[in-house]
Amino acid sequence: MNDQNNSQKEVKDYGKRVDQLVVEFEKQIHEHLNEEYIKSTKWSDKLADKIAAFGGSWNFIIIFFAILLVWIVVNTLSFTKIIHFDEPPFILLNLVLSFLAGFQAPIIMMSQNRQAARDKKETIIDFAINYRAEQEIDDMQEHLHRIEANFAEFRSEVRNELAAIKELLQENKKPFSGGE
């Protein structure tokens, strides 16, 4: 029982070590990809990534909503009449929003294209790792099948030898027929 517990503990320890190695390997791959990405990315691309990251955040949505709300309130209330710079139907606001959309969309698309290229590299690496792991699993299964076949052959030989031993023992138990 103690040997079984020790072997189970060894299997769990081995599993933990393998998991830890996989995590470290993935971390190294991602660090390498990050280093390569940083080295190959121009400042304009980095700026586009930052703009896209901000443009797709809740901070942007909240700030943008607040600016729009202030713009509309300032330009519609009667007591702010002296500072109205864009009265309804907010033609200047429409122009600003069109410019924002016109510039923000291509910047976000550039960032997404670079991210897609990076994801493609990661996918290729993941495929290579998975393919190698599948080959290792196939090799282990093949080895297990050979072991099973050898064990089946061994069991058959042991069965045959036990049968022969039983036969010999039964022959030795028979009483001797004294005259022959």
N, C-alpha and C. Protein backbone atom coordinates (compact mmCIF):
# COMPACT_ATOMS: atom_id res chain seq x y z
N MET A 1 0.82 -1.19 0.00
CA MET A 1 0.00 0.00 0.00
C MET A 1 0.87 1.26 0.00
N ASN A 2 1.94 1.21 0.78
CA ASN A 2 2.86 2.34 0.87
C ASN A 2 3.55 2.58 -0.47
N ASP A 3 3.93 1.46 -1.15
CA ASP A 3 4.56 1.59 -2.47
C ASP A 3 3.60 2.24 -3.47
N GLN A 4 2.32 1.88 -3.38
CA GLN A 4 1.33 2.45 -4.28
C GLN A 4 1.18 3.95 -4.03
N ASN A 5 1.15 4.35 -2.76
CA ASN A 5 1.06 5.78 -2.44
C ASN A 5 2.28 6.54 -2.94
N ASN A 6 3.46 5.92 -2.77
CA ASN A 6 4.69 6.55 -3.27
C ASN A 6 4.66 6.72 -4.78
N SER A 7 4.18 5.67 -5.49
CA SER A 7 4.14 5.75 -6.95
C SER A 7 3.12 6.79 -7.40
N GLN A 8 1.99 6.90 -6.69
CA GLN A 8 1.00 7.92 -7.03
C GLN A 8 1.57 9.31 -6.79
N LYS A 9 2.32 9.45 -5.70
CA LYS A 9 2.94 10.74 -5.40
C LYS A 9 3.97 11.10 -6.46
N GLU A 10 4.76 10.10 -6.91
CA GLU A 10 5.74 10.34 -7.96
C GLU A 10 5.06 10.77 -9.26
N VAL A 11 3.91 10.14 -9.58
CA VAL A 11 3.18 10.49 -10.80
C VAL A 11 2.66 11.92 -10.70
N LYS A 12 2.11 12.28 -9.51
CA LYS A 12 1.62 13.65 -9.33
C LYS A 12 2.76 14.65 -9.42
N ASP A 13 3.91 14.32 -8.79
CA ASP A 13 5.08 15.21 -8.86
C ASP A 13 5.56 15.35 -10.29
N TYR A 14 5.58 14.23 -11.02
CA TYR A 14 6.00 14.26 -12.42
C TYR A 14 5.03 15.12 -13.23
N GLY A 15 3.72 14.96 -12.96
CA GLY A 15 2.72 15.76 -13.66
C GLY A 15 2.88 17.24 -13.38
N LYS A 16 3.18 17.58 -12.12
CA LYS A 16 3.39 18.98 -11.76
C LYS A 16 4.62 19.53 -12.47
N ARG A 17 5.67 18.72 -12.53
CA ARG A 17 6.90 19.17 -13.21
C ARG A 17 6.65 19.40 -14.69
N VAL A 18 5.91 18.48 -15.31
CA VAL A 18 5.60 18.62 -16.73
C VAL A 18 4.76 19.88 -16.96
N ASP A 19 3.74 20.07 -16.11
CA ASP A 19 2.90 21.27 -16.23
C ASP A 19 3.75 22.54 -16.08
N GLN A 20 4.66 22.53 -15.12
CA GLN A 20 5.52 23.68 -14.88
C GLN A 20 6.43 23.93 -16.09
N LEU A 21 6.95 22.86 -16.67
CA LEU A 21 7.80 23.01 -17.86
C LEU A 21 7.00 23.59 -19.03
N VAL A 22 5.78 23.12 -19.21
CA VAL A 22 4.93 23.63 -20.29
C VAL A 22 4.66 25.12 -20.09
N VAL A 23 4.33 25.51 -18.86
CA VAL A 23 4.06 26.92 -18.56
C VAL A 23 5.30 27.77 -18.83
N GLU A 24 6.46 27.30 -18.39
CA GLU A 24 7.71 28.05 -18.62
C GLU A 24 8.02 28.15 -20.11
N PHE A 25 7.78 27.06 -20.85
CA PHE A 25 8.04 27.05 -22.29
C PHE A 25 7.12 28.05 -23.00
N GLU A 26 5.82 28.02 -22.65
CA GLU A 26 4.89 28.98 -23.25
C GLU A 26 5.29 30.41 -22.91
N LYS A 27 5.73 30.64 -21.68
CA LYS A 27 6.15 31.97 -21.25
C LYS A 27 7.35 32.43 -22.09
N GLN A 28 8.31 31.53 -22.32
CA GLN A 28 9.47 31.88 -23.13
C GLN A 28 9.07 32.21 -24.57
N ILE A 29 8.14 31.44 -25.11
CA ILE A 29 7.69 31.69 -26.48
C ILE A 29 7.03 33.06 -26.57
N HIS A 30 6.15 33.36 -25.60
CA HIS A 30 5.46 34.65 -25.62
C HIS A 30 6.45 35.80 -25.41
N GLU A 31 7.44 35.61 -24.54
CA GLU A 31 8.46 36.64 -24.35
C GLU A 31 9.24 36.87 -25.64
N HIS A 32 9.58 35.77 -26.32
CA HIS A 32 10.31 35.88 -27.59
C HIS A 32 9.45 36.61 -28.62
N LEU A 33 8.17 36.26 -28.70
CA LEU A 33 7.28 36.94 -29.64
C LEU A 33 7.15 38.43 -29.29
N ASN A 34 7.05 38.72 -27.99
CA ASN A 34 6.95 40.12 -27.57
C ASN A 34 8.22 40.89 -27.93
N GLU A 35 9.39 40.28 -27.69
CA GLU A 35 10.65 40.93 -28.05
C GLU A 35 10.73 41.18 -29.55
N GLU A 36 10.36 40.16 -30.33
CA GLU A 36 10.38 40.29 -31.79
C GLU A 36 9.41 41.37 -32.24
N TYR A 37 8.23 41.39 -31.61
CA TYR A 37 7.21 42.40 -31.95
C TYR A 37 7.72 43.80 -31.64
N ILE A 38 8.35 43.96 -30.48
CA ILE A 38 8.86 45.28 -30.09
C ILE A 38 9.97 45.73 -31.03
N LYS A 39 10.86 44.79 -31.40
CA LYS A 39 11.97 45.14 -32.29
C LYS A 39 11.48 45.51 -33.69
N SER A 40 10.47 44.79 -34.18
CA SER A 40 10.03 44.99 -35.57
C SER A 40 8.95 46.04 -35.72
N THR A 41 8.45 46.59 -34.61
CA THR A 41 7.36 47.57 -34.68
C THR A 41 7.92 48.99 -34.71
N LYS A 42 7.45 49.76 -35.67
CA LYS A 42 7.87 51.16 -35.79
C LYS A 42 7.13 51.99 -34.75
N TRP A 43 7.62 53.22 -34.52
CA TRP A 43 6.98 54.10 -33.54
C TRP A 43 5.56 54.45 -33.96
N SER A 44 5.34 54.58 -35.29
CA SER A 44 3.99 54.92 -35.77
C SER A 44 3.02 53.76 -35.51
N ASP A 45 3.54 52.54 -35.64
CA ASP A 45 2.70 51.37 -35.35
C ASP A 45 2.38 51.28 -33.86
N LYS A 46 3.36 51.59 -33.03
CA LYS A 46 3.13 51.58 -31.58
C LYS A 46 2.10 52.65 -31.20
N LEU A 47 2.20 53.81 -31.84
CA LEU A 47 1.23 54.88 -31.59
C LEU A 47 -0.17 54.43 -32.01
N ALA A 48 -0.25 53.78 -33.16
CA ALA A 48 -1.54 53.28 -33.63
C ALA A 48 -2.11 52.26 -32.65
N ASP A 49 -1.24 51.40 -32.11
CA ASP A 49 -1.70 50.42 -31.12
C ASP A 49 -2.23 51.10 -29.87
N LYS A 50 -1.54 52.15 -29.43
CA LYS A 50 -2.00 52.86 -28.22
C LYS A 50 -3.32 53.57 -28.48
N ILE A 51 -3.45 54.18 -29.65
CA ILE A 51 -4.70 54.87 -30.00
C ILE A 51 -5.84 53.85 -30.08
N ALA A 52 -5.57 52.70 -30.70
CA ALA A 52 -6.60 51.67 -30.82
C ALA A 52 -6.97 51.11 -29.45
N ALA A 53 -5.98 50.94 -28.60
CA ALA A 53 -6.26 50.43 -27.25
C ALA A 53 -7.12 51.42 -26.47
N PHE A 54 -6.80 52.71 -26.59
CA PHE A 54 -7.60 53.72 -25.88
C PHE A 54 -8.97 53.85 -26.52
N GLY A 55 -9.03 53.82 -27.86
CA GLY A 55 -10.30 53.96 -28.57
C GLY A 55 -11.26 52.81 -28.33
N GLY A 56 -10.74 51.69 -27.87
CA GLY A 56 -11.59 50.53 -27.59
C GLY A 56 -11.75 50.28 -26.11
N SER A 57 -11.61 51.34 -25.31
CA SER A 57 -11.69 51.16 -23.86
C SER A 57 -12.91 51.87 -23.28
N TRP A 58 -13.26 51.50 -22.08
CA TRP A 58 -14.36 52.16 -21.38
C TRP A 58 -14.00 53.60 -21.04
N ASN A 59 -12.72 53.84 -20.78
CA ASN A 59 -12.29 55.22 -20.51
C ASN A 59 -12.64 56.14 -21.68
N PHE A 60 -12.36 55.67 -22.90
CA PHE A 60 -12.69 56.46 -24.08
C PHE A 60 -14.19 56.69 -24.17
N ILE A 61 -14.96 55.65 -23.96
CA ILE A 61 -16.42 55.77 -24.07
C ILE A 61 -16.95 56.77 -23.04
N ILE A 62 -16.47 56.69 -21.82
CA ILE A 62 -16.95 57.59 -20.76
C ILE A 62 -16.54 59.03 -21.06
N ILE A 63 -15.27 59.24 -21.42
CA ILE A 63 -14.79 60.59 -21.73
C ILE A 63 -15.53 61.15 -22.95
N PHE A 64 -15.69 60.32 -23.97
CA PHE A 64 -16.36 60.76 -25.19
C PHE A 64 -17.82 61.12 -24.89
N PHE A 65 -18.48 60.30 -24.09
CA PHE A 65 -19.86 60.58 -23.71
C PHE A 65 -19.95 61.90 -22.94
N ALA A 66 -19.02 62.11 -22.02
CA ALA A 66 -19.01 63.35 -21.23
C ALA A 66 -18.80 64.57 -22.13
N ILE A 67 -17.88 64.48 -23.07
CA ILE A 67 -17.63 65.59 -23.99
C ILE A 67 -18.87 65.88 -24.83
N LEU A 68 -19.49 64.83 -25.36
CA LEU A 68 -20.71 65.03 -26.16
C LEU A 68 -21.81 65.65 -25.33
N LEU A 69 -21.96 65.19 -24.10
CA LEU A 69 -22.99 65.72 -23.22
C LEU A 69 -22.74 67.20 -22.93
N VAL A 70 -21.51 67.56 -22.60
CA VAL A 70 -21.17 68.95 -22.34
C VAL A 70 -21.40 69.80 -23.60
N TRP A 71 -20.96 69.30 -24.74
CA TRP A 71 -21.13 70.00 -26.02
C TRP A 71 -22.60 70.32 -26.26
N ILE A 72 -23.45 69.30 -26.11
CA ILE A 72 -24.89 69.48 -26.37
C ILE A 72 -25.51 70.42 -25.33
N VAL A 73 -25.16 70.24 -24.06
CA VAL A 73 -25.73 71.09 -23.01
C VAL A 73 -25.33 72.55 -23.21
N VAL A 74 -24.05 72.78 -23.45
CA VAL A 74 -23.56 74.16 -23.62
C VAL A 74 -24.24 74.83 -24.81
N ASN A 75 -24.50 74.08 -25.87
CA ASN A 75 -25.04 74.67 -27.09
C ASN A 75 -26.57 74.68 -27.15
N THR A 76 -27.25 74.17 -26.14
CA THR A 76 -28.72 74.16 -26.18
C THR A 76 -29.37 74.96 -25.08
N LEU A 77 -28.75 75.09 -23.94
CA LEU A 77 -29.38 75.80 -22.83
C LEU A 77 -29.43 77.30 -23.12
N SER A 78 -30.50 77.90 -22.64
CA SER A 78 -30.70 79.33 -22.93
C SER A 78 -29.75 80.22 -22.15
N PHE A 79 -29.38 79.84 -20.93
CA PHE A 79 -28.48 80.70 -20.15
C PHE A 79 -27.03 80.62 -20.62
N THR A 80 -26.72 79.68 -21.55
CA THR A 80 -25.37 79.62 -22.13
C THR A 80 -25.37 80.18 -23.55
N LYS A 81 -26.40 80.96 -23.88
CA LYS A 81 -26.57 81.48 -25.24
C LYS A 81 -25.36 82.28 -25.72
N ILE A 82 -24.71 82.99 -24.80
CA ILE A 82 -23.58 83.82 -25.24
C ILE A 82 -22.36 83.00 -25.66
N ILE A 83 -22.28 81.71 -25.23
CA ILE A 83 -21.13 80.88 -25.63
C ILE A 83 -21.52 79.77 -26.61
N HIS A 84 -22.72 79.84 -27.17
CA HIS A 84 -23.10 78.84 -28.19
C HIS A 84 -22.15 78.95 -29.38
N PHE A 85 -21.52 77.87 -29.72
CA PHE A 85 -20.65 77.86 -30.89
C PHE A 85 -21.11 76.85 -31.92
N ASP A 86 -22.11 76.01 -31.56
CA ASP A 86 -22.64 75.02 -32.49
C ASP A 86 -24.08 74.74 -32.10
N GLU A 87 -24.98 75.56 -32.57
CA GLU A 87 -26.38 75.40 -32.20
C GLU A 87 -26.99 74.23 -32.96
N PRO A 88 -28.10 73.71 -32.42
CA PRO A 88 -28.75 72.60 -33.14
C PRO A 88 -29.00 72.99 -34.58
N PRO A 89 -28.80 72.13 -35.51
CA PRO A 89 -28.63 70.68 -35.51
C PRO A 89 -27.19 70.20 -35.36
N PHE A 90 -26.33 70.94 -34.71
CA PHE A 90 -24.96 70.53 -34.36
C PHE A 90 -24.12 70.12 -35.57
N ILE A 91 -24.03 71.00 -36.53
CA ILE A 91 -23.27 70.73 -37.75
C ILE A 91 -21.79 70.56 -37.43
N LEU A 92 -21.25 71.40 -36.56
CA LEU A 92 -19.83 71.28 -36.18
C LEU A 92 -19.58 69.96 -35.45
N LEU A 93 -20.49 69.56 -34.60
CA LEU A 93 -20.35 68.28 -33.90
C LEU A 93 -20.35 67.12 -34.89
N ASN A 94 -21.23 67.18 -35.88
CA ASN A 94 -21.25 66.13 -36.91
C ASN A 94 -19.93 66.08 -37.68
N LEU A 95 -19.37 67.26 -37.96
CA LEU A 95 -18.08 67.32 -38.65
C LEU A 95 -16.98 66.70 -37.80
N VAL A 96 -16.95 67.04 -36.51
CA VAL A 96 -15.95 66.49 -35.59
C VAL A 96 -16.09 64.97 -35.49
N LEU A 97 -17.33 64.49 -35.35
CA LEU A 97 -17.56 63.04 -35.26
C LEU A 97 -17.15 62.33 -36.54
N SER A 98 -17.41 62.95 -37.69
CA SER A 98 -16.99 62.35 -38.97
C SER A 98 -15.48 62.26 -39.07
N PHE A 99 -14.79 63.34 -38.68
CA PHE A 99 -13.33 63.30 -38.68
C PHE A 99 -12.81 62.23 -37.72
N LEU A 100 -13.38 62.16 -36.55
CA LEU A 100 -12.95 61.16 -35.58
C LEU A 100 -13.13 59.75 -36.12
N ALA A 101 -14.28 59.48 -36.69
CA ALA A 101 -14.54 58.15 -37.26
C ALA A 101 -13.63 57.88 -38.45
N GLY A 102 -13.42 58.91 -39.27
CA GLY A 102 -12.57 58.75 -40.45
C GLY A 102 -11.13 58.44 -40.12
N PHE A 103 -10.62 58.97 -39.03
CA PHE A 103 -9.23 58.71 -38.65
C PHE A 103 -9.09 57.52 -37.71
N GLN A 104 -10.05 57.33 -36.86
CA GLN A 104 -9.95 56.26 -35.87
C GLN A 104 -10.10 54.88 -36.52
N ALA A 105 -10.99 54.73 -37.47
CA ALA A 105 -11.23 53.42 -38.09
C ALA A 105 -9.98 52.84 -38.76
N PRO A 106 -9.28 53.59 -39.61
CA PRO A 106 -8.07 53.00 -40.22
C PRO A 106 -6.98 52.70 -39.19
N ILE A 107 -6.86 53.54 -38.17
CA ILE A 107 -5.85 53.29 -37.14
C ILE A 107 -6.15 51.99 -36.41
N ILE A 108 -7.41 51.78 -36.07
CA ILE A 108 -7.81 50.53 -35.40
C ILE A 108 -7.59 49.35 -36.33
N MET A 109 -7.88 49.52 -37.63
CA MET A 109 -7.67 48.43 -38.58
C MET A 109 -6.18 48.09 -38.71
N MET A 110 -5.31 49.10 -38.72
CA MET A 110 -3.87 48.83 -38.77
C MET A 110 -3.44 48.02 -37.56
N SER A 111 -3.90 48.42 -36.41
CA SER A 111 -3.57 47.72 -35.18
C SER A 111 -4.08 46.28 -35.22
N GLN A 112 -5.30 46.10 -35.71
CA GLN A 112 -5.87 44.75 -35.79
C GLN A 112 -5.10 43.89 -36.78
N ASN A 113 -4.65 44.46 -37.89
CA ASN A 113 -3.87 43.70 -38.86
C ASN A 113 -2.56 43.21 -38.25
N ARG A 114 -1.89 44.09 -37.49
CA ARG A 114 -0.65 43.67 -36.83
C ARG A 114 -0.93 42.60 -35.79
N GLN A 115 -2.01 42.76 -35.05
CA GLN A 115 -2.36 41.75 -34.04
C GLN A 115 -2.70 40.42 -34.72
N ALA A 116 -3.37 40.47 -35.86
CA ALA A 116 -3.69 39.25 -36.59
C ALA A 116 -2.42 38.55 -37.06
N ALA A 117 -1.44 39.32 -37.54
CA ALA A 117 -0.16 38.74 -37.97
C ALA A 117 0.54 38.09 -36.78
N ARG A 118 0.50 38.76 -35.64
CA ARG A 118 1.12 38.20 -34.43
C ARG A 118 0.39 36.93 -33.99
N ASP A 119 -0.94 36.96 -34.03
CA ASP A 119 -1.72 35.78 -33.67
C ASP A 119 -1.42 34.61 -34.61
N LYS A 120 -1.19 34.93 -35.88
CA LYS A 120 -0.87 33.88 -36.84
C LYS A 120 0.45 33.20 -36.48
N LYS A 121 1.45 33.99 -36.08
CA LYS A 121 2.73 33.42 -35.65
C LYS A 121 2.53 32.52 -34.44
N GLU A 122 1.74 33.00 -33.46
CA GLU A 122 1.48 32.20 -32.27
C GLU A 122 0.74 30.91 -32.63
N THR A 123 -0.18 30.99 -33.57
CA THR A 123 -0.93 29.81 -33.99
C THR A 123 0.00 28.80 -34.65
N ILE A 124 0.93 29.26 -35.46
CA ILE A 124 1.88 28.36 -36.11
C ILE A 124 2.75 27.67 -35.06
N ILE A 125 3.20 28.43 -34.06
CA ILE A 125 4.01 27.84 -33.00
C ILE A 125 3.19 26.82 -32.20
N ASP A 126 1.94 27.19 -31.87
CA ASP A 126 1.06 26.26 -31.15
C ASP A 126 0.83 24.99 -31.96
N PHE A 127 0.65 25.14 -33.28
CA PHE A 127 0.46 23.97 -34.13
C PHE A 127 1.69 23.07 -34.11
N ALA A 128 2.87 23.69 -34.20
CA ALA A 128 4.11 22.90 -34.19
C ALA A 128 4.26 22.15 -32.87
N ILE A 129 3.95 22.82 -31.76
CA ILE A 129 4.04 22.17 -30.45
C ILE A 129 3.03 21.02 -30.36
N ASN A 130 1.81 21.28 -30.79
CA ASN A 130 0.77 20.24 -30.73
C ASN A 130 1.11 19.07 -31.64
N TYR A 131 1.67 19.37 -32.81
CA TYR A 131 2.05 18.30 -33.74
C TYR A 131 3.15 17.43 -33.13
N ARG A 132 4.13 18.07 -32.52
CA ARG A 132 5.23 17.33 -31.88
C ARG A 132 4.70 16.49 -30.72
N ALA A 133 3.79 17.07 -29.94
CA ALA A 133 3.21 16.33 -28.82
C ALA A 133 2.41 15.13 -29.33
N GLU A 134 1.71 15.32 -30.43
CA GLU A 134 0.95 14.21 -31.01
C GLU A 134 1.88 13.09 -31.47
N GLN A 135 3.01 13.46 -32.06
CA GLN A 135 3.99 12.45 -32.47
C GLN A 135 4.53 11.70 -31.25
N GLU A 136 4.81 12.42 -30.18
CA GLU A 136 5.30 11.78 -28.96
C GLU A 136 4.25 10.81 -28.40
N ILE A 137 3.00 11.23 -28.41
CA ILE A 137 1.91 10.38 -27.92
C ILE A 137 1.79 9.14 -28.79
N ASP A 138 1.89 9.30 -30.11
CA ASP A 138 1.84 8.15 -31.01
C ASP A 138 2.99 7.18 -30.73
N ASP A 139 4.19 7.73 -30.50
CA ASP A 139 5.34 6.89 -30.17
C ASP A 139 5.12 6.12 -28.87
N MET A 140 4.56 6.80 -27.87
CA MET A 140 4.29 6.14 -26.59
C MET A 140 3.22 5.06 -26.75
N GLN A 141 2.19 5.34 -27.54
CA GLN A 141 1.15 4.33 -27.76
C GLN A 141 1.73 3.11 -28.49
N GLU A 142 2.57 3.38 -29.46
CA GLU A 142 3.21 2.27 -30.18
C GLU A 142 4.05 1.43 -29.22
N HIS A 143 4.78 2.11 -28.36
CA HIS A 143 5.60 1.41 -27.37
C HIS A 143 4.71 0.60 -26.42
N LEU A 144 3.61 1.19 -25.97
CA LEU A 144 2.68 0.46 -25.09
C LEU A 144 2.09 -0.75 -25.79
N HIS A 145 1.76 -0.61 -27.07
CA HIS A 145 1.22 -1.76 -27.82
C HIS A 145 2.26 -2.88 -27.91
N ARG A 146 3.53 -2.51 -28.11
CA ARG A 146 4.59 -3.53 -28.14
C ARG A 146 4.70 -4.22 -26.78
N ILE A 147 4.63 -3.41 -25.71
CA ILE A 147 4.72 -3.99 -24.37
C ILE A 147 3.54 -4.92 -24.13
N GLU A 148 2.32 -4.49 -24.54
CA GLU A 148 1.14 -5.35 -24.39
C GLU A 148 1.30 -6.65 -25.16
N ALA A 149 1.81 -6.55 -26.39
CA ALA A 149 1.99 -7.75 -27.20
C ALA A 149 3.02 -8.68 -26.55
N ASN A 150 4.13 -8.10 -26.06
CA ASN A 150 5.14 -8.92 -25.38
C ASN A 150 4.58 -9.56 -24.12
N PHE A 151 3.78 -8.78 -23.38
CA PHE A 151 3.19 -9.32 -22.15
C PHE A 151 2.18 -10.42 -22.48
N ALA A 152 1.40 -10.24 -23.53
CA ALA A 152 0.44 -11.27 -23.93
C ALA A 152 1.19 -12.55 -24.34
N GLU A 153 2.27 -12.38 -25.05
CA GLU A 153 3.09 -13.54 -25.45
C GLU A 153 3.69 -14.22 -24.23
N PHE A 154 4.17 -13.41 -23.29
CA PHE A 154 4.73 -13.94 -22.05
C PHE A 154 3.67 -14.71 -21.27
N ARG A 155 2.47 -14.14 -21.15
CA ARG A 155 1.38 -14.83 -20.44
C ARG A 155 1.03 -16.15 -21.11
N SER A 156 1.03 -16.14 -22.43
CA SER A 156 0.72 -17.37 -23.16
C SER A 156 1.79 -18.43 -22.90
N GLU A 157 3.05 -18.01 -22.90
CA GLU A 157 4.14 -18.94 -22.62
C GLU A 157 4.03 -19.48 -21.20
N VAL A 158 3.75 -18.59 -20.24
CA VAL A 158 3.61 -19.02 -18.84
C VAL A 158 2.43 -19.98 -18.71
N ARG A 159 1.33 -19.70 -19.37
CA ARG A 159 0.16 -20.59 -19.33
C ARG A 159 0.52 -21.97 -19.88
N ASN A 160 1.21 -21.97 -21.00
CA ASN A 160 1.61 -23.25 -21.61
C ASN A 160 2.55 -24.02 -20.68
N GLU A 161 3.50 -23.30 -20.08
CA GLU A 161 4.44 -23.96 -19.18
C GLU A 161 3.74 -24.46 -17.92
N LEU A 162 2.78 -23.67 -17.39
CA LEU A 162 2.01 -24.13 -16.23
C LEU A 162 1.19 -25.36 -16.57
N ALA A 163 0.62 -25.36 -17.77
CA ALA A 163 -0.16 -26.53 -18.20
C ALA A 163 0.76 -27.75 -18.29
N ALA A 164 1.95 -27.57 -18.82
CA ALA A 164 2.91 -28.68 -18.93
C ALA A 164 3.32 -29.15 -17.54
N ILE A 165 3.54 -28.22 -16.61
CA ILE A 165 3.91 -28.58 -15.24
C ILE A 165 2.78 -29.33 -14.57
N LYS A 166 1.55 -28.89 -14.76
CA LYS A 166 0.39 -29.58 -14.19
C LYS A 166 0.30 -31.00 -14.73
N GLU A 167 0.54 -31.11 -16.01
CA GLU A 167 0.48 -32.42 -16.65
C GLU A 167 1.54 -33.35 -16.06
N LEU A 168 2.73 -32.83 -15.90
CA LEU A 168 3.81 -33.63 -15.31
C LEU A 168 3.48 -34.02 -13.87
N LEU A 169 2.93 -33.07 -13.12
CA LEU A 169 2.56 -33.37 -11.74
C LEU A 169 1.46 -34.42 -11.68
N GLN A 170 0.51 -34.35 -12.58
CA GLN A 170 -0.57 -35.33 -12.59
C GLN A 170 -0.05 -36.70 -12.99
N GLU A 171 0.91 -36.75 -13.90
CA GLU A 171 1.50 -38.02 -14.29
C GLU A 171 2.26 -38.63 -13.13
N ASN A 172 2.94 -37.78 -12.35
CA ASN A 172 3.70 -38.27 -11.20
C ASN A 172 2.79 -38.76 -10.08
N LYS A 173 1.56 -38.28 -10.01
CA LYS A 173 0.62 -38.70 -8.97
C LYS A 173 -0.01 -40.04 -9.31
N LYS A 174 -0.02 -40.43 -10.57
CA LYS A 174 -0.64 -41.71 -10.95
C LYS A 174 0.15 -42.86 -10.31
N PRO A 175 -0.59 -43.83 -9.84
CA PRO A 175 0.12 -44.98 -9.25
C PRO A 175 0.88 -45.75 -10.33
N PHE A 176 2.03 -46.19 -9.93
CA PHE A 176 2.84 -46.98 -10.87
C PHE A 176 2.19 -48.33 -11.10
N SER A 177 2.19 -48.73 -12.31
CA SER A 177 1.67 -50.07 -12.60
C SER A 177 2.88 -51.00 -12.53
N GLY A 178 3.07 -51.62 -11.47
CA GLY A 178 4.26 -52.35 -11.08
C GLY A 178 4.88 -53.27 -12.08
N GLY A 179 4.19 -53.84 -13.09
CA GLY A 179 4.78 -54.85 -13.94
C GLY A 179 5.50 -54.35 -15.15
N GLU A 180 5.39 -53.22 -15.48
CA GLU A 180 6.01 -52.82 -16.73
C GLU A 180 7.31 -52.25 -16.51
